[in-house]
Amino acid sequence: MARRCAISGKGPMVGNNVSHAKNRTKKRFLPNLRTVRVTLEDGTTQKIRISAKELRTLKKHS
């Protein structure tokens, strides 16, 4: 299962961990994904994984 938002397509990003001595090592920043049930137009429900930001957007516009 991919770590990607079903609505926005938001996925992992790559950055650096920076220590106090300024040593840099690679780090993955993962999106804050949540599994939610969504009711479709035909009345059926489906589980999708969306980011927390998209969940807030859905709640705002629903």
PDB file of N, CA and C in Angstrom:
ATOM      1  N   MET A   1       0.844  -1.175   0.000  1.00  0.00           N
ATOM      2  CA  MET A   1       0.000   0.000   0.000  1.00  0.00           C
ATOM      3  C   MET A   1       0.893   1.243   0.000  1.00  0.00           C
ATOM      4  N   ALA A   2       0.695   2.092  -0.958  1.00  0.00           N
ATOM      5  CA  ALA A   2       1.550   3.266  -1.105  1.00  0.00           C
ATOM      6  C   ALA A   2       1.231   4.316  -0.048  1.00  0.00           C
ATOM      7  N   ARG A   3       2.254   5.029   0.380  1.00  0.00           N
ATOM      8  CA  ARG A   3       2.055   6.129   1.336  1.00  0.00           C
ATOM      9  C   ARG A   3       1.734   7.394   0.558  1.00  0.00           C
ATOM     10  N   ARG A   4       0.540   7.421  -0.001  1.00  0.00           N
ATOM     11  CA  ARG A   4       0.142   8.535  -0.843  1.00  0.00           C
ATOM     12  C   ARG A   4      -1.324   8.849  -0.596  1.00  0.00           C
ATOM     13  N   CYS A   5      -1.650  10.132  -0.562  1.00  0.00           N
ATOM     14  CA  CYS A   5      -3.029  10.570  -0.343  1.00  0.00           C
ATOM     15  C   CYS A   5      -3.854  10.268  -1.594  1.00  0.00           C
ATOM     16  N   ALA A   6      -5.060   9.717  -1.388  1.00  0.00           N
ATOM     17  CA  ALA A   6      -5.911   9.344  -2.516  1.00  0.00           C
ATOM     18  C   ALA A   6      -6.501  10.557  -3.216  1.00  0.00           C
ATOM     19  N   ILE A   7      -6.599  11.697  -2.540  1.00  0.00           N
ATOM     20  CA  ILE A   7      -7.217  12.884  -3.131  1.00  0.00           C
ATOM     21  C   ILE A   7      -6.169  13.842  -3.679  1.00  0.00           C
ATOM     22  N   SER A   8      -5.238  14.255  -2.829  1.00  0.00           N
ATOM     23  CA  SER A   8      -4.270  15.275  -3.240  1.00  0.00           C
ATOM     24  C   SER A   8      -3.030  14.689  -3.897  1.00  0.00           C
ATOM     25  N   GLY A   9      -2.763  13.393  -3.705  1.00  0.00           N
ATOM     26  CA  GLY A   9      -1.560  12.787  -4.258  1.00  0.00           C
ATOM     27  C   GLY A   9      -0.310  13.089  -3.458  1.00  0.00           C
ATOM     28  N   LYS A  10      -0.487  13.661  -2.279  1.00  0.00           N
ATOM     29  CA  LYS A  10       0.646  14.013  -1.422  1.00  0.00           C
ATOM     30  C   LYS A  10       1.360  12.740  -0.986  1.00  0.00           C
ATOM     31  N   GLY A  11       2.690  12.716  -1.119  1.00  0.00           N
ATOM     32  CA  GLY A  11       3.474  11.534  -0.779  1.00  0.00           C
ATOM     33  C   GLY A  11       4.705  11.893   0.025  1.00  0.00           C
ATOM     34  N   PRO A  12       5.598  10.924   0.236  1.00  0.00           N
ATOM     35  CA  PRO A  12       6.795  11.173   1.028  1.00  0.00           C
ATOM     36  C   PRO A  12       7.732  12.175   0.360  1.00  0.00           C
ATOM     37  N   MET A  13       8.434  12.942   1.197  1.00  0.00           N
ATOM     38  CA  MET A  13       9.455  13.872   0.726  1.00  0.00           C
ATOM     39  C   MET A  13      10.777  13.482   1.369  1.00  0.00           C
ATOM     40  N   VAL A  14      11.876  13.922   0.783  1.00  0.00           N
ATOM     41  CA  VAL A  14      13.203  13.610   1.304  1.00  0.00           C
ATOM     42  C   VAL A  14      13.861  14.894   1.770  1.00  0.00           C
ATOM     43  N   GLY A  15      14.478  14.813   2.946  1.00  0.00           N
ATOM     44  CA  GLY A  15      15.195  15.956   3.494  1.00  0.00           C
ATOM     45  C   GLY A  15      16.382  15.475   4.298  1.00  0.00           C
ATOM     46  N   ASN A  16      16.890  16.326   5.162  1.00  0.00           N
ATOM     47  CA  ASN A  16      18.058  15.998   5.962  1.00  0.00           C
ATOM     48  C   ASN A  16      17.752  16.101   7.443  1.00  0.00           C
ATOM     49  N   ASN A  17      18.283  15.134   8.223  1.00  0.00           N
ATOM     50  CA  ASN A  17      18.411  15.298   9.661  1.00  0.00           C
ATOM     51  C   ASN A  17      19.678  16.098   9.871  1.00  0.00           C
ATOM     52  N   VAL A  18      19.625  17.153  10.659  1.00  0.00           N
ATOM     53  CA  VAL A  18      20.803  17.979  10.907  1.00  0.00           C
ATOM     54  C   VAL A  18      21.085  17.949  12.402  1.00  0.00           C
ATOM     55  N   SER A  19      22.240  17.405  12.767  1.00  0.00           N
ATOM     56  CA  SER A  19      22.614  17.332  14.172  1.00  0.00           C
ATOM     57  C   SER A  19      23.185  18.668  14.631  1.00  0.00           C
ATOM     58  N   HIS A  20      23.490  18.748  15.926  1.00  0.00           N
ATOM     59  CA  HIS A  20      24.064  19.974  16.480  1.00  0.00           C
ATOM     60  C   HIS A  20      25.420  20.279  15.847  1.00  0.00           C
ATOM     61  N   ALA A  21      26.129  19.222  15.432  1.00  0.00           N
ATOM     62  CA  ALA A  21      27.432  19.385  14.775  1.00  0.00           C
ATOM     63  C   ALA A  21      27.283  19.613  13.273  1.00  0.00           C
ATOM     64  N   LYS A  22      26.061  19.833  12.819  1.00  0.00           N
ATOM     65  CA  LYS A  22      25.742  20.097  11.407  1.00  0.00           C
ATOM     66  C   LYS A  22      26.011  18.903  10.483  1.00  0.00           C
ATOM     67  N   ASN A  23      26.071  17.695  11.051  1.00  0.00           N
ATOM     68  CA  ASN A  23      26.163  16.498  10.209  1.00  0.00           C
ATOM     69  C   ASN A  23      24.796  16.257   9.590  1.00  0.00           C
ATOM     70  N   ARG A  24      24.798  15.870   8.325  1.00  0.00           N
ATOM     71  CA  ARG A  24      23.535  15.677   7.624  1.00  0.00           C
ATOM     72  C   ARG A  24      23.376  14.227   7.196  1.00  0.00           C
ATOM     73  N   THR A  25      22.219  13.649   7.519  1.00  0.00           N
ATOM     74  CA  THR A  25      21.860  12.313   7.056  1.00  0.00           C
ATOM     75  C   THR A  25      20.466  12.395   6.448  1.00  0.00           C
ATOM     76  N   LYS A  26      20.214  11.532   5.479  1.00  0.00           N
ATOM     77  CA  LYS A  26      18.939  11.564   4.760  1.00  0.00           C
ATOM     78  C   LYS A  26      17.787  11.136   5.664  1.00  0.00           C
ATOM     79  N   LYS A  27      16.648  11.748   5.441  1.00  0.00           N
ATOM     80  CA  LYS A  27      15.442  11.455   6.205  1.00  0.00           C
ATOM     81  C   LYS A  27      14.237  11.550   5.288  1.00  0.00           C
ATOM     82  N   ARG A  28      13.246  10.684   5.512  1.00  0.00           N
ATOM     83  CA  ARG A  28      11.988  10.747   4.763  1.00  0.00           C
ATOM     84  C   ARG A  28      10.932  11.411   5.630  1.00  0.00           C
ATOM     85  N   PHE A  29      10.260  12.395   5.069  1.00  0.00           N
ATOM     86  CA  PHE A  29       9.134  13.041   5.733  1.00  0.00           C
ATOM     87  C   PHE A  29       7.867  12.425   5.149  1.00  0.00           C
ATOM     88  N   LEU A  30       7.134  11.659   5.981  1.00  0.00           N
ATOM     89  CA  LEU A  30       5.949  10.956   5.510  1.00  0.00           C
ATOM     90  C   LEU A  30       4.704  11.808   5.737  1.00  0.00           C
ATOM     91  N   PRO A  31       3.728  11.742   4.832  1.00  0.00           N
ATOM     92  CA  PRO A  31       2.492  12.496   5.033  1.00  0.00           C
ATOM     93  C   PRO A  31       1.677  11.897   6.176  1.00  0.00           C
ATOM     94  N   ASN A  32       0.864  12.718   6.804  1.00  0.00           N
ATOM     95  CA  ASN A  32       0.027  12.300   7.929  1.00  0.00           C
ATOM     96  C   ASN A  32      -1.253  11.684   7.368  1.00  0.00           C
ATOM     97  N   LEU A  33      -1.192  10.386   7.035  1.00  0.00           N
ATOM     98  CA  LEU A  33      -2.315   9.718   6.382  1.00  0.00           C
ATOM     99  C   LEU A  33      -3.281   9.127   7.396  1.00  0.00           C
ATOM    100  N   ARG A  34      -4.559   9.226   7.093  1.00  0.00           N
ATOM    101  CA  ARG A  34      -5.632   8.678   7.916  1.00  0.00           C
ATOM    102  C   ARG A  34      -6.532   7.830   7.026  1.00  0.00           C
ATOM    103  N   THR A  35      -6.984   6.690   7.553  1.00  0.00           N
ATOM    104  CA  THR A  35      -7.934   5.851   6.831  1.00  0.00           C
ATOM    105  C   THR A  35      -9.343   6.254   7.252  1.00  0.00           C
ATOM    106  N   VAL A  36     -10.156   6.653   6.285  1.00  0.00           N
ATOM    107  CA  VAL A  36     -11.521   7.098   6.576  1.00  0.00           C
ATOM    108  C   VAL A  36     -12.500   6.393   5.645  1.00  0.00           C
ATOM    109  N   ARG A  37     -13.746   6.295   6.109  1.00  0.00           N
ATOM    110  CA  ARG A  37     -14.815   5.761   5.271  1.00  0.00           C
ATOM    111  C   ARG A  37     -15.516   6.930   4.595  1.00  0.00           C
ATOM    112  N   VAL A  38     -15.685   6.820   3.294  1.00  0.00           N
ATOM    113  CA  VAL A  38     -16.337   7.869   2.518  1.00  0.00           C
ATOM    114  C   VAL A  38     -17.562   7.265   1.850  1.00  0.00           C
ATOM    115  N   THR A  39     -18.691   7.956   1.938  1.00  0.00           N
ATOM    116  CA  THR A  39     -19.908   7.513   1.269  1.00  0.00           C
ATOM    117  C   THR A  39     -19.907   8.058  -0.148  1.00  0.00           C
ATOM    118  N   LEU A  40     -20.011   7.156  -1.107  1.00  0.00           N
ATOM    119  CA  LEU A  40     -20.003   7.548  -2.514  1.00  0.00           C
ATOM    120  C   LEU A  40     -21.400   7.975  -2.948  1.00  0.00           C
ATOM    121  N   GLU A  41     -21.503   8.478  -4.174  1.00  0.00           N
ATOM    122  CA  GLU A  41     -22.773   8.998  -4.681  1.00  0.00           C
ATOM    123  C   GLU A  41     -23.838   7.918  -4.819  1.00  0.00           C
ATOM    124  N   ASP A  42     -23.422   6.663  -5.061  1.00  0.00           N
ATOM    125  CA  ASP A  42     -24.405   5.585  -5.206  1.00  0.00           C
ATOM    126  C   ASP A  42     -24.810   4.968  -3.869  1.00  0.00           C
ATOM    127  N   GLY A  43     -24.332   5.534  -2.755  1.00  0.00           N
ATOM    128  CA  GLY A  43     -24.742   5.077  -1.434  1.00  0.00           C
ATOM    129  C   GLY A  43     -23.808   4.076  -0.783  1.00  0.00           C
ATOM    130  N   THR A  44     -22.829   3.566  -1.524  1.00  0.00           N
ATOM    131  CA  THR A  44     -21.886   2.613  -0.949  1.00  0.00           C
ATOM    132  C   THR A  44     -20.780   3.356  -0.212  1.00  0.00           C
ATOM    133  N   THR A  45     -20.153   2.656   0.731  1.00  0.00           N
ATOM    134  CA  THR A  45     -19.037   3.255   1.461  1.00  0.00           C
ATOM    135  C   THR A  45     -17.743   2.607   1.015  1.00  0.00           C
ATOM    136  N   GLN A  46     -16.676   3.378   1.075  1.00  0.00           N
ATOM    137  CA  GLN A  46     -15.363   2.894   0.665  1.00  0.00           C
ATOM    138  C   GLN A  46     -14.322   3.476   1.603  1.00  0.00           C
ATOM    139  N   LYS A  47     -13.316   2.657   1.959  1.00  0.00           N
ATOM    140  CA  LYS A  47     -12.226   3.142   2.793  1.00  0.00           C
ATOM    141  C   LYS A  47     -11.147   3.733   1.893  1.00  0.00           C
ATOM    142  N   ILE A  48     -10.711   4.944   2.204  1.00  0.00           N
ATOM    143  CA  ILE A  48      -9.615   5.557   1.465  1.00  0.00           C
ATOM    144  C   ILE A  48      -8.626   6.139   2.462  1.00  0.00           C
ATOM    145  N   ARG A  49      -7.379   6.272   2.022  1.00  0.00           N
ATOM    146  CA  ARG A  49      -6.345   6.874   2.855  1.00  0.00           C
ATOM    147  C   ARG A  49      -6.092   8.286   2.354  1.00  0.00           C
ATOM    148  N   ILE A  50      -6.381   9.260   3.210  1.00  0.00           N
ATOM    149  CA  ILE A  50      -6.187  10.656   2.837  1.00  0.00           C
ATOM    150  C   ILE A  50      -5.345  11.342   3.895  1.00  0.00           C
ATOM    151  N   SER A  51      -4.718  12.433   3.504  1.00  0.00           N
ATOM    152  CA  SER A  51      -3.901  13.187   4.448  1.00  0.00           C
ATOM    153  C   SER A  51      -4.807  13.934   5.419  1.00  0.00           C
ATOM    154  N   ALA A  52      -4.262  14.293   6.565  1.00  0.00           N
ATOM    155  CA  ALA A  52      -5.033  14.987   7.595  1.00  0.00           C
ATOM    156  C   ALA A  52      -5.523  16.336   7.086  1.00  0.00           C
ATOM    157  N   LYS A  53      -4.740  16.986   6.238  1.00  0.00           N
ATOM    158  CA  LYS A  53      -5.163  18.271   5.684  1.00  0.00           C
ATOM    159  C   LYS A  53      -6.380  18.096   4.781  1.00  0.00           C
ATOM    160  N   GLU A  54      -6.385  17.057   3.963  1.00  0.00           N
ATOM    161  CA  GLU A  54      -7.534  16.803   3.090  1.00  0.00           C
ATOM    162  C   GLU A  54      -8.753  16.393   3.904  1.00  0.00           C
ATOM    163  N   LEU A  55      -8.547  15.720   5.036  1.00  0.00           N
ATOM    164  CA  LEU A  55      -9.660  15.370   5.913  1.00  0.00           C
ATOM    165  C   LEU A  55     -10.321  16.625   6.463  1.00  0.00           C
ATOM    166  N   ARG A  56      -9.523  17.601   6.851  1.00  0.00           N
ATOM    167  CA  ARG A  56     -10.060  18.883   7.321  1.00  0.00           C
ATOM    168  C   ARG A  56     -10.826  19.588   6.206  1.00  0.00           C
ATOM    169  N   THR A  57     -10.291  19.533   4.980  1.00  0.00           N
ATOM    170  CA  THR A  57     -10.949  20.170   3.840  1.00  0.00           C
ATOM    171  C   THR A  57     -12.294  19.504   3.555  1.00  0.00           C
ATOM    172  N   LEU A  58     -12.332  18.156   3.617  1.00  0.00           N
ATOM    173  CA  LEU A  58     -13.591  17.441   3.394  1.00  0.00           C
ATOM    174  C   LEU A  58     -14.626  17.804   4.448  1.00  0.00           C
ATOM    175  N   LYS A  59     -14.208  17.884   5.705  1.00  0.00           N
ATOM    176  CA  LYS A  59     -15.144  18.231   6.771  1.00  0.00           C
ATOM    177  C   LYS A  59     -15.660  19.654   6.611  1.00  0.00           C
ATOM    178  N   LYS A  60     -14.806  20.546   6.108  1.00  0.00           N
ATOM    179  CA  LYS A  60     -15.205  21.939   5.931  1.00  0.00           C
ATOM    180  C   LYS A  60     -16.249  22.086   4.827  1.00  0.00           C
ATOM    181  N   HIS A  61     -16.087  21.356   3.729  1.00  0.00           N
ATOM    182  CA  HIS A  61     -16.961  21.525   2.573  1.00  0.00           C
ATOM    183  C   HIS A  61     -18.104  20.514   2.520  1.00  0.00           C
ATOM    184  N   SER A  62     -18.239  19.671   3.543  1.00  0.00           N
ATOM    185  CA  SER A  62     -19.324  18.678   3.545  1.00  0.00           C
ATOM    186  C   SER A  62     -20.499  19.144   4.361  1.00  0.00           C
TER     187      SER A  62
END
